[in-house]
Amino acid sequence: MMQTAAVDNVMRALADPTRRAVFERIAQSEEISVVELTRGSGVTQGAISQHLKSLKQAGLIANRAQGRNVFYFAEPKGLDPLFDWMSHYGVFWRERFANLHALLKEIDP
């Protein structure tokens, strides 16, 4: 059974293009600081912090403090609700691909 609230939280967090870009930068790094995320992003550190808060609440990222710095890293399990939701519709795609395969064989045996 899918957890609707968890799926909604992940989708809401990733719906914003800037937040999605922040998440992608975090996912591509082992870990990254707020300063590094802000650099070259075109948005303020305050805005980055708000995006990080949303991503963290959705379970997509976690952080660790080291002195005055906070480092963020991706939480792969945070995408599980989205993966489960997409898997639920896998039957739909398998049927469509099977139909396409049959059509292609019919057109070009």
N, C-alpha and C. Protein backbone atom coordinates (compact mmCIF):
# COMPACT_ATOMS: atom_id res chain seq x y z
N MET A 1 0.83 -1.17 0.00
CA MET A 1 0.00 0.00 0.00
C MET A 1 0.88 1.25 0.00
N MET A 2 0.48 2.22 -0.79
CA MET A 2 1.26 3.46 -0.89
C MET A 2 0.92 4.39 0.27
N GLN A 3 1.91 5.12 0.71
CA GLN A 3 1.71 6.12 1.75
C GLN A 3 1.50 7.46 1.06
N THR A 4 0.24 7.86 0.94
CA THR A 4 -0.11 9.06 0.18
C THR A 4 0.59 10.30 0.71
N ALA A 5 0.63 10.49 2.00
CA ALA A 5 1.25 11.69 2.57
C ALA A 5 2.74 11.75 2.23
N ALA A 6 3.42 10.61 2.30
CA ALA A 6 4.86 10.58 1.99
C ALA A 6 5.09 10.91 0.52
N VAL A 7 4.27 10.36 -0.37
CA VAL A 7 4.40 10.65 -1.80
C VAL A 7 4.14 12.13 -2.06
N ASP A 8 3.10 12.66 -1.42
CA ASP A 8 2.78 14.08 -1.58
C ASP A 8 3.94 14.96 -1.12
N ASN A 9 4.55 14.62 0.01
CA ASN A 9 5.67 15.41 0.53
C ASN A 9 6.85 15.41 -0.43
N VAL A 10 7.19 14.24 -0.98
CA VAL A 10 8.32 14.15 -1.90
C VAL A 10 8.01 14.91 -3.18
N MET A 11 6.81 14.71 -3.73
CA MET A 11 6.45 15.41 -4.97
C MET A 11 6.41 16.92 -4.77
N ARG A 12 5.87 17.35 -3.66
CA ARG A 12 5.81 18.80 -3.35
C ARG A 12 7.22 19.38 -3.23
N ALA A 13 8.09 18.62 -2.58
CA ALA A 13 9.47 19.10 -2.40
C ALA A 13 10.20 19.20 -3.73
N LEU A 14 9.96 18.27 -4.63
CA LEU A 14 10.68 18.25 -5.91
C LEU A 14 9.97 19.03 -7.01
N ALA A 15 8.79 19.56 -6.73
CA ALA A 15 8.03 20.30 -7.75
C ALA A 15 8.68 21.63 -8.10
N ASP A 16 9.33 22.24 -7.14
CA ASP A 16 9.96 23.54 -7.38
C ASP A 16 11.28 23.36 -8.13
N PRO A 17 11.47 24.02 -9.27
CA PRO A 17 12.69 23.82 -10.07
C PRO A 17 13.99 24.19 -9.34
N THR A 18 13.94 25.26 -8.54
CA THR A 18 15.15 25.64 -7.80
C THR A 18 15.47 24.59 -6.74
N ARG A 19 14.44 24.11 -6.05
CA ARG A 19 14.64 23.10 -5.03
C ARG A 19 15.15 21.80 -5.65
N ARG A 20 14.62 21.46 -6.82
CA ARG A 20 15.07 20.26 -7.53
C ARG A 20 16.54 20.40 -7.91
N ALA A 21 16.95 21.59 -8.34
CA ALA A 21 18.35 21.83 -8.69
C ALA A 21 19.25 21.70 -7.46
N VAL A 22 18.77 22.21 -6.31
CA VAL A 22 19.53 22.08 -5.07
C VAL A 22 19.67 20.60 -4.71
N PHE A 23 18.57 19.86 -4.81
CA PHE A 23 18.62 18.42 -4.51
C PHE A 23 19.59 17.70 -5.44
N GLU A 24 19.57 18.04 -6.71
CA GLU A 24 20.48 17.39 -7.68
C GLU A 24 21.94 17.69 -7.33
N ARG A 25 22.22 18.92 -6.94
CA ARG A 25 23.60 19.25 -6.54
C ARG A 25 24.02 18.46 -5.31
N ILE A 26 23.11 18.30 -4.37
CA ILE A 26 23.41 17.53 -3.17
C ILE A 26 23.62 16.06 -3.54
N ALA A 27 22.74 15.53 -4.36
CA ALA A 27 22.82 14.11 -4.75
C ALA A 27 24.10 13.81 -5.52
N GLN A 28 24.63 14.79 -6.25
CA GLN A 28 25.85 14.58 -7.03
C GLN A 28 27.11 14.73 -6.18
N SER A 29 26.95 15.22 -4.96
CA SER A 29 28.08 15.41 -4.06
C SER A 29 28.02 14.36 -2.95
N GLU A 30 29.16 14.06 -2.41
CA GLU A 30 29.14 13.19 -1.22
C GLU A 30 28.47 13.94 -0.09
N GLU A 31 28.86 15.19 0.07
CA GLU A 31 28.20 16.13 0.98
C GLU A 31 28.61 17.53 0.54
N ILE A 32 27.76 18.50 0.89
CA ILE A 32 28.01 19.86 0.42
C ILE A 32 27.48 20.84 1.46
N SER A 33 28.17 21.97 1.61
CA SER A 33 27.76 22.98 2.59
C SER A 33 26.79 23.97 1.97
N VAL A 34 26.12 24.73 2.83
CA VAL A 34 25.20 25.77 2.38
C VAL A 34 25.95 26.81 1.56
N VAL A 35 27.16 27.15 1.99
CA VAL A 35 27.97 28.13 1.26
C VAL A 35 28.23 27.65 -0.16
N GLU A 36 28.60 26.39 -0.30
CA GLU A 36 28.86 25.84 -1.64
C GLU A 36 27.58 25.79 -2.47
N LEU A 37 26.45 25.46 -1.84
CA LEU A 37 25.18 25.42 -2.56
C LEU A 37 24.76 26.80 -3.03
N THR A 38 25.04 27.81 -2.21
CA THR A 38 24.65 29.18 -2.56
C THR A 38 25.51 29.72 -3.70
N ARG A 39 26.80 29.39 -3.66
CA ARG A 39 27.74 29.89 -4.66
C ARG A 39 27.30 29.44 -6.07
N GLY A 40 27.08 30.40 -6.93
CA GLY A 40 26.73 30.12 -8.32
C GLY A 40 25.28 29.70 -8.53
N SER A 41 24.46 29.75 -7.48
CA SER A 41 23.07 29.32 -7.63
C SER A 41 22.14 30.43 -8.11
N GLY A 42 22.55 31.66 -7.89
CA GLY A 42 21.71 32.78 -8.29
C GLY A 42 20.61 33.10 -7.29
N VAL A 43 20.62 32.43 -6.13
CA VAL A 43 19.64 32.74 -5.08
C VAL A 43 20.38 33.00 -3.78
N THR A 44 19.69 33.63 -2.85
CA THR A 44 20.32 34.00 -1.58
C THR A 44 20.52 32.78 -0.68
N GLN A 45 21.39 32.95 0.30
CA GLN A 45 21.62 31.87 1.26
C GLN A 45 20.33 31.58 2.04
N GLY A 46 19.56 32.61 2.33
CA GLY A 46 18.29 32.42 3.02
C GLY A 46 17.33 31.55 2.22
N ALA A 47 17.28 31.80 0.91
CA ALA A 47 16.40 30.99 0.04
C ALA A 47 16.90 29.55 -0.01
N ILE A 48 18.21 29.37 -0.11
CA ILE A 48 18.78 28.02 -0.12
C ILE A 48 18.41 27.31 1.18
N SER A 49 18.50 28.00 2.29
CA SER A 49 18.16 27.41 3.59
C SER A 49 16.70 26.97 3.64
N GLN A 50 15.82 27.76 3.05
CA GLN A 50 14.40 27.39 3.01
C GLN A 50 14.19 26.13 2.15
N HIS A 51 14.88 26.07 1.03
CA HIS A 51 14.78 24.88 0.17
C HIS A 51 15.32 23.65 0.89
N LEU A 52 16.42 23.83 1.62
CA LEU A 52 16.99 22.72 2.37
C LEU A 52 16.02 22.23 3.44
N LYS A 53 15.33 23.15 4.08
CA LYS A 53 14.35 22.79 5.10
C LYS A 53 13.24 21.92 4.50
N SER A 54 12.74 22.31 3.33
CA SER A 54 11.69 21.54 2.65
C SER A 54 12.18 20.15 2.25
N LEU A 55 13.40 20.10 1.71
CA LEU A 55 13.96 18.81 1.29
C LEU A 55 14.18 17.90 2.50
N LYS A 56 14.61 18.49 3.61
CA LYS A 56 14.86 17.71 4.82
C LYS A 56 13.54 17.19 5.39
N GLN A 57 12.51 18.03 5.42
CA GLN A 57 11.20 17.61 5.93
C GLN A 57 10.60 16.50 5.08
N ALA A 58 10.92 16.48 3.80
CA ALA A 58 10.42 15.43 2.91
C ALA A 58 11.25 14.15 3.03
N GLY A 59 12.34 14.21 3.79
CA GLY A 59 13.17 13.02 3.97
C GLY A 59 14.16 12.77 2.85
N LEU A 60 14.36 13.78 2.00
CA LEU A 60 15.24 13.61 0.84
C LEU A 60 16.71 13.88 1.15
N ILE A 61 16.96 14.65 2.21
CA ILE A 61 18.34 14.96 2.59
C ILE A 61 18.49 14.87 4.10
N ALA A 62 19.72 14.82 4.54
CA ALA A 62 20.06 14.87 5.97
C ALA A 62 21.27 15.78 6.08
N ASN A 63 21.65 16.09 7.30
CA ASN A 63 22.79 16.98 7.48
C ASN A 63 23.62 16.57 8.68
N ARG A 64 24.83 17.10 8.70
CA ARG A 64 25.70 16.93 9.86
C ARG A 64 26.41 18.25 10.09
N ALA A 65 26.54 18.59 11.34
CA ALA A 65 27.23 19.83 11.71
C ALA A 65 28.69 19.53 12.01
N GLN A 66 29.53 20.46 11.58
CA GLN A 66 30.95 20.38 11.90
C GLN A 66 31.39 21.80 12.22
N GLY A 67 31.51 22.08 13.50
CA GLY A 67 31.82 23.44 13.90
C GLY A 67 30.68 24.36 13.52
N ARG A 68 31.03 25.44 12.81
CA ARG A 68 30.01 26.39 12.38
C ARG A 68 29.39 26.02 11.04
N ASN A 69 29.91 24.99 10.41
CA ASN A 69 29.40 24.57 9.09
C ASN A 69 28.41 23.43 9.21
N VAL A 70 27.46 23.42 8.30
CA VAL A 70 26.50 22.33 8.20
C VAL A 70 26.65 21.75 6.80
N PHE A 71 26.81 20.44 6.75
CA PHE A 71 26.98 19.74 5.47
C PHE A 71 25.75 18.89 5.20
N TYR A 72 25.29 18.92 3.96
CA TYR A 72 24.09 18.19 3.56
C TYR A 72 24.47 17.05 2.63
N PHE A 73 23.71 15.96 2.74
CA PHE A 73 23.91 14.81 1.86
C PHE A 73 22.54 14.19 1.55
N ALA A 74 22.48 13.51 0.42
CA ALA A 74 21.22 12.91 -0.03
C ALA A 74 20.88 11.69 0.82
N GLU A 75 19.61 11.50 1.03
CA GLU A 75 19.07 10.32 1.71
C GLU A 75 18.35 9.49 0.66
N PRO A 76 19.01 8.47 0.09
CA PRO A 76 18.39 7.68 -0.98
C PRO A 76 17.02 7.10 -0.61
N LYS A 77 16.84 6.70 0.63
CA LYS A 77 15.55 6.13 1.05
C LYS A 77 14.43 7.16 0.99
N GLY A 78 14.78 8.43 0.94
CA GLY A 78 13.77 9.47 0.84
C GLY A 78 12.98 9.41 -0.45
N LEU A 79 13.56 8.81 -1.48
CA LEU A 79 12.87 8.67 -2.76
C LEU A 79 12.00 7.42 -2.82
N ASP A 80 12.05 6.58 -1.79
CA ASP A 80 11.26 5.33 -1.79
C ASP A 80 9.77 5.55 -2.02
N PRO A 81 9.13 6.53 -1.37
CA PRO A 81 7.69 6.72 -1.63
C PRO A 81 7.40 7.02 -3.10
N LEU A 82 8.26 7.81 -3.73
CA LEU A 82 8.07 8.14 -5.14
C LEU A 82 8.29 6.90 -6.01
N PHE A 83 9.31 6.13 -5.69
CA PHE A 83 9.59 4.89 -6.42
C PHE A 83 8.41 3.92 -6.28
N ASP A 84 7.90 3.77 -5.08
CA ASP A 84 6.76 2.88 -4.85
C ASP A 84 5.54 3.33 -5.64
N TRP A 85 5.30 4.64 -5.66
CA TRP A 85 4.17 5.18 -6.39
C TRP A 85 4.32 4.91 -7.89
N MET A 86 5.52 5.11 -8.42
CA MET A 86 5.77 4.87 -9.84
C MET A 86 5.68 3.38 -10.17
N SER A 87 6.14 2.54 -9.27
CA SER A 87 6.09 1.09 -9.48
C SER A 87 4.64 0.61 -9.56
N HIS A 88 3.78 1.27 -8.84
CA HIS A 88 2.36 0.93 -8.84
C HIS A 88 1.80 1.02 -10.28
N TYR A 89 2.34 1.91 -11.07
CA TYR A 89 1.87 2.10 -12.45
C TYR A 89 2.70 1.34 -13.46
N GLY A 90 3.61 0.51 -12.99
CA GLY A 90 4.46 -0.28 -13.89
C GLY A 90 3.68 -1.19 -14.80
N VAL A 91 2.57 -1.73 -14.31
CA VAL A 91 1.73 -2.61 -15.13
C VAL A 91 1.25 -1.86 -16.37
N PHE A 92 0.86 -0.63 -16.19
CA PHE A 92 0.41 0.20 -17.30
C PHE A 92 1.47 0.28 -18.40
N TRP A 93 2.71 0.57 -17.99
CA TRP A 93 3.78 0.72 -18.97
C TRP A 93 4.16 -0.61 -19.60
N ARG A 94 4.19 -1.68 -18.82
CA ARG A 94 4.53 -3.00 -19.38
C ARG A 94 3.54 -3.38 -20.47
N GLU A 95 2.25 -3.14 -20.22
CA GLU A 95 1.23 -3.46 -21.22
C GLU A 95 1.43 -2.61 -22.48
N ARG A 96 1.72 -1.34 -22.30
CA ARG A 96 1.92 -0.46 -23.46
C ARG A 96 3.13 -0.89 -24.28
N PHE A 97 4.23 -1.23 -23.58
CA PHE A 97 5.42 -1.67 -24.30
C PHE A 97 5.19 -3.01 -25.00
N ALA A 98 4.43 -3.89 -24.38
CA ALA A 98 4.11 -5.17 -25.02
C ALA A 98 3.29 -4.93 -26.28
N ASN A 99 2.32 -4.01 -26.20
CA ASN A 99 1.52 -3.67 -27.38
C ASN A 99 2.38 -3.05 -28.47
N LEU A 100 3.30 -2.18 -28.10
CA LEU A 100 4.19 -1.56 -29.07
C LEU A 100 5.08 -2.61 -29.72
N HIS A 101 5.60 -3.52 -28.93
CA HIS A 101 6.45 -4.59 -29.44
C HIS A 101 5.67 -5.44 -30.46
N ALA A 102 4.44 -5.80 -30.13
CA ALA A 102 3.62 -6.58 -31.03
C ALA A 102 3.34 -5.82 -32.32
N LEU A 103 3.05 -4.53 -32.21
CA LEU A 103 2.79 -3.70 -33.39
C LEU A 103 4.01 -3.61 -34.27
N LEU A 104 5.18 -3.42 -33.68
CA LEU A 104 6.41 -3.33 -34.46
C LEU A 104 6.72 -4.65 -35.18
N LYS A 105 6.46 -5.75 -34.53
CA LYS A 105 6.66 -7.05 -35.16
C LYS A 105 5.68 -7.24 -36.32
N GLU A 106 4.47 -6.75 -36.15
CA GLU A 106 3.46 -6.84 -37.20
C GLU A 106 3.83 -5.99 -38.40
N ILE A 107 4.37 -4.81 -38.14
CA ILE A 107 4.76 -3.90 -39.22
C ILE A 107 6.00 -4.40 -39.95
N ASP A 108 6.97 -4.87 -39.21
CA ASP A 108 8.24 -5.30 -39.78
C ASP A 108 8.62 -6.67 -39.21
N PRO A 109 8.06 -7.73 -39.82
CA PRO A 109 8.32 -9.07 -39.27
C PRO A 109 9.73 -9.44 -39.45
